[in-house]
């Protein structure tokens, strides 16, 4: 899907921007502490859906965990802020 919309780009610019991280230019999350809870949940759900999976813990009945994999080092360092909120 391709979207050409200045409004959509400006909306995304409030949440994600390109920045240098360890000598590479990559996407980074912006103003995480200002994100609404609903947006955070949607973002984390999207990360799991796109780059992760949910798994059942074999040692504990009814317990599940989630794994998210990304090659973006800047993004890999940031989700702990979302989970702490």
C-alpha atoms as a PDB file:
ATOM      1  CA  UNK A   1       0.000   0.000   0.000  1.00  0.00           C
ATOM      2  CA  UNK A   2       1.310   3.450  -0.864  1.00  0.00           C
ATOM      3  CA  UNK A   3      -0.104   6.580   0.716  1.00  0.00           C
ATOM      4  CA  UNK A   4       0.709  10.095  -0.456  1.00  0.00           C
ATOM      5  CA  UNK A   5      -0.647  12.454   2.172  1.00  0.00           C
ATOM      6  CA  UNK A   6       0.979  15.434   3.874  1.00  0.00           C
ATOM      7  CA  UNK A   7      -1.533  15.173   6.738  1.00  0.00           C
ATOM      8  CA  UNK A   8      -0.622  11.529   7.340  1.00  0.00           C
ATOM      9  CA  UNK A   9       3.103  12.325   7.181  1.00  0.00           C
ATOM     10  CA  UNK A  10       2.704  15.162   9.688  1.00  0.00           C
ATOM     11  CA  UNK A  11       0.716  12.827  11.974  1.00  0.00           C
ATOM     12  CA  UNK A  12       3.473  10.193  11.838  1.00  0.00           C
ATOM     13  CA  UNK A  13       6.135  12.851  12.382  1.00  0.00           C
ATOM     14  CA  UNK A  14       4.685  13.397  15.878  1.00  0.00           C
ATOM     15  CA  UNK A  15       5.578   9.809  16.782  1.00  0.00           C
ATOM     16  CA  UNK A  16       8.479   8.597  14.601  1.00  0.00           C
ATOM     17  CA  UNK A  17      11.443  10.414  13.051  1.00  0.00           C
ATOM     18  CA  UNK A  18      14.747   9.540  11.455  1.00  0.00           C
ATOM     19  CA  UNK A  19      17.776  10.052  13.683  1.00  0.00           C
ATOM     20  CA  UNK A  20      21.376   8.915  13.841  1.00  0.00           C
ATOM     21  CA  UNK A  21      22.003   5.966  16.155  1.00  0.00           C
ATOM     22  CA  UNK A  22      25.483   4.409  16.476  1.00  0.00           C
ATOM     23  CA  UNK A  23      26.550   5.940  13.157  1.00  0.00           C
ATOM     24  CA  UNK A  24      23.451   4.773  11.253  1.00  0.00           C
ATOM     25  CA  UNK A  25      20.347   6.715  10.292  1.00  0.00           C
ATOM     26  CA  UNK A  26      17.276   4.862  11.517  1.00  0.00           C
ATOM     27  CA  UNK A  27      13.736   5.459  12.746  1.00  0.00           C
ATOM     28  CA  UNK A  28      13.352   6.516  16.351  1.00  0.00           C
ATOM     29  CA  UNK A  29      10.284   7.042  18.508  1.00  0.00           C
ATOM     30  CA  UNK A  30       9.524  10.619  19.601  1.00  0.00           C
ATOM     31  CA  UNK A  31       8.086  11.913  22.908  1.00  0.00           C
ATOM     32  CA  UNK A  32       7.044   8.476  24.169  1.00  0.00           C
ATOM     33  CA  UNK A  33       5.849   9.849  27.493  1.00  0.00           C
ATOM     34  CA  UNK A  34       3.282  12.000  25.674  1.00  0.00           C
ATOM     35  CA  UNK A  35       1.714   9.069  23.790  1.00  0.00           C
ATOM     36  CA  UNK A  36      -1.805   8.128  24.848  1.00  0.00           C
ATOM     37  CA  UNK A  37      -2.280   4.690  26.371  1.00  0.00           C
ATOM     38  CA  UNK A  38      -4.441   3.617  23.411  1.00  0.00           C
ATOM     39  CA  UNK A  39      -1.781   4.690  20.908  1.00  0.00           C
ATOM     40  CA  UNK A  40       0.899   2.831  22.896  1.00  0.00           C
ATOM     41  CA  UNK A  41      -1.171  -0.349  22.946  1.00  0.00           C
ATOM     42  CA  UNK A  42      -1.824  -0.069  19.216  1.00  0.00           C
ATOM     43  CA  UNK A  43       1.845   0.552  18.491  1.00  0.00           C
ATOM     44  CA  UNK A  44       3.029  -2.407  20.584  1.00  0.00           C
ATOM     45  CA  UNK A  45       0.324  -4.602  19.030  1.00  0.00           C
ATOM     46  CA  UNK A  46       1.544  -3.557  15.588  1.00  0.00           C
ATOM     47  CA  UNK A  47       5.153  -4.371  16.512  1.00  0.00           C
ATOM     48  CA  UNK A  48       4.156  -7.830  17.712  1.00  0.00           C
ATOM     49  CA  UNK A  49       2.016  -8.389  14.613  1.00  0.00           C
ATOM     50  CA  UNK A  50       4.702  -7.209  12.173  1.00  0.00           C
ATOM     51  CA  UNK A  51       7.980  -8.218  13.838  1.00  0.00           C
ATOM     52  CA  UNK A  52       7.121 -10.655  16.604  1.00  0.00           C
ATOM     53  CA  UNK A  53       4.919 -13.389  17.958  1.00  0.00           C
ATOM     54  CA  UNK A  54       3.065 -14.466  21.094  1.00  0.00           C
ATOM     55  CA  UNK A  55       4.081 -17.729  22.731  1.00  0.00           C
ATOM     56  CA  UNK A  56       2.793 -19.875  25.550  1.00  0.00           C
ATOM     57  CA  UNK A  57       5.114 -20.438  28.496  1.00  0.00           C
ATOM     58  CA  UNK A  58       5.637 -24.199  28.710  1.00  0.00           C
ATOM     59  CA  UNK A  59       6.481 -24.060  32.429  1.00  0.00           C
ATOM     60  CA  UNK A  60       3.425 -22.080  33.602  1.00  0.00           C
ATOM     61  CA  UNK A  61      -0.112 -22.941  32.554  1.00  0.00           C
ATOM     62  CA  UNK A  62      -2.031 -20.006  31.109  1.00  0.00           C
ATOM     63  CA  UNK A  63       0.991 -17.687  30.935  1.00  0.00           C
ATOM     64  CA  UNK A  64       1.994 -16.135  27.635  1.00  0.00           C
ATOM     65  CA  UNK A  65       4.905 -14.001  26.469  1.00  0.00           C
ATOM     66  CA  UNK A  66       5.682 -11.912  23.424  1.00  0.00           C
ATOM     67  CA  UNK A  67       8.849 -11.640  21.375  1.00  0.00           C
ATOM     68  CA  UNK A  68       9.655  -8.690  19.110  1.00  0.00           C
ATOM     69  CA  UNK A  69      12.620  -8.791  16.739  1.00  0.00           C
ATOM     70  CA  UNK A  70      14.056  -5.730  14.990  1.00  0.00           C
ATOM     71  CA  UNK A  71      17.319  -4.834  13.272  1.00  0.00           C
ATOM     72  CA  UNK A  72      16.762  -1.170  14.209  1.00  0.00           C
ATOM     73  CA  UNK A  73      19.064  -0.626  17.208  1.00  0.00           C
ATOM     74  CA  UNK A  74      17.436   2.688  18.150  1.00  0.00           C
ATOM     75  CA  UNK A  75      13.978   1.150  18.176  1.00  0.00           C
ATOM     76  CA  UNK A  76      15.211  -1.881  20.124  1.00  0.00           C
ATOM     77  CA  UNK A  77      16.324   0.380  22.980  1.00  0.00           C
ATOM     78  CA  UNK A  78      13.015   2.261  23.284  1.00  0.00           C
ATOM     79  CA  UNK A  79      10.052  -0.099  23.897  1.00  0.00           C
ATOM     80  CA  UNK A  80      10.947  -0.534  27.590  1.00  0.00           C
ATOM     81  CA  UNK A  81       9.638   3.027  28.047  1.00  0.00           C
ATOM     82  CA  UNK A  82       6.310   1.959  26.547  1.00  0.00           C
ATOM     83  CA  UNK A  83       6.073  -1.129  28.755  1.00  0.00           C
ATOM     84  CA  UNK A  84       6.865   0.873  31.901  1.00  0.00           C
ATOM     85  CA  UNK A  85       3.945   3.252  31.268  1.00  0.00           C
END
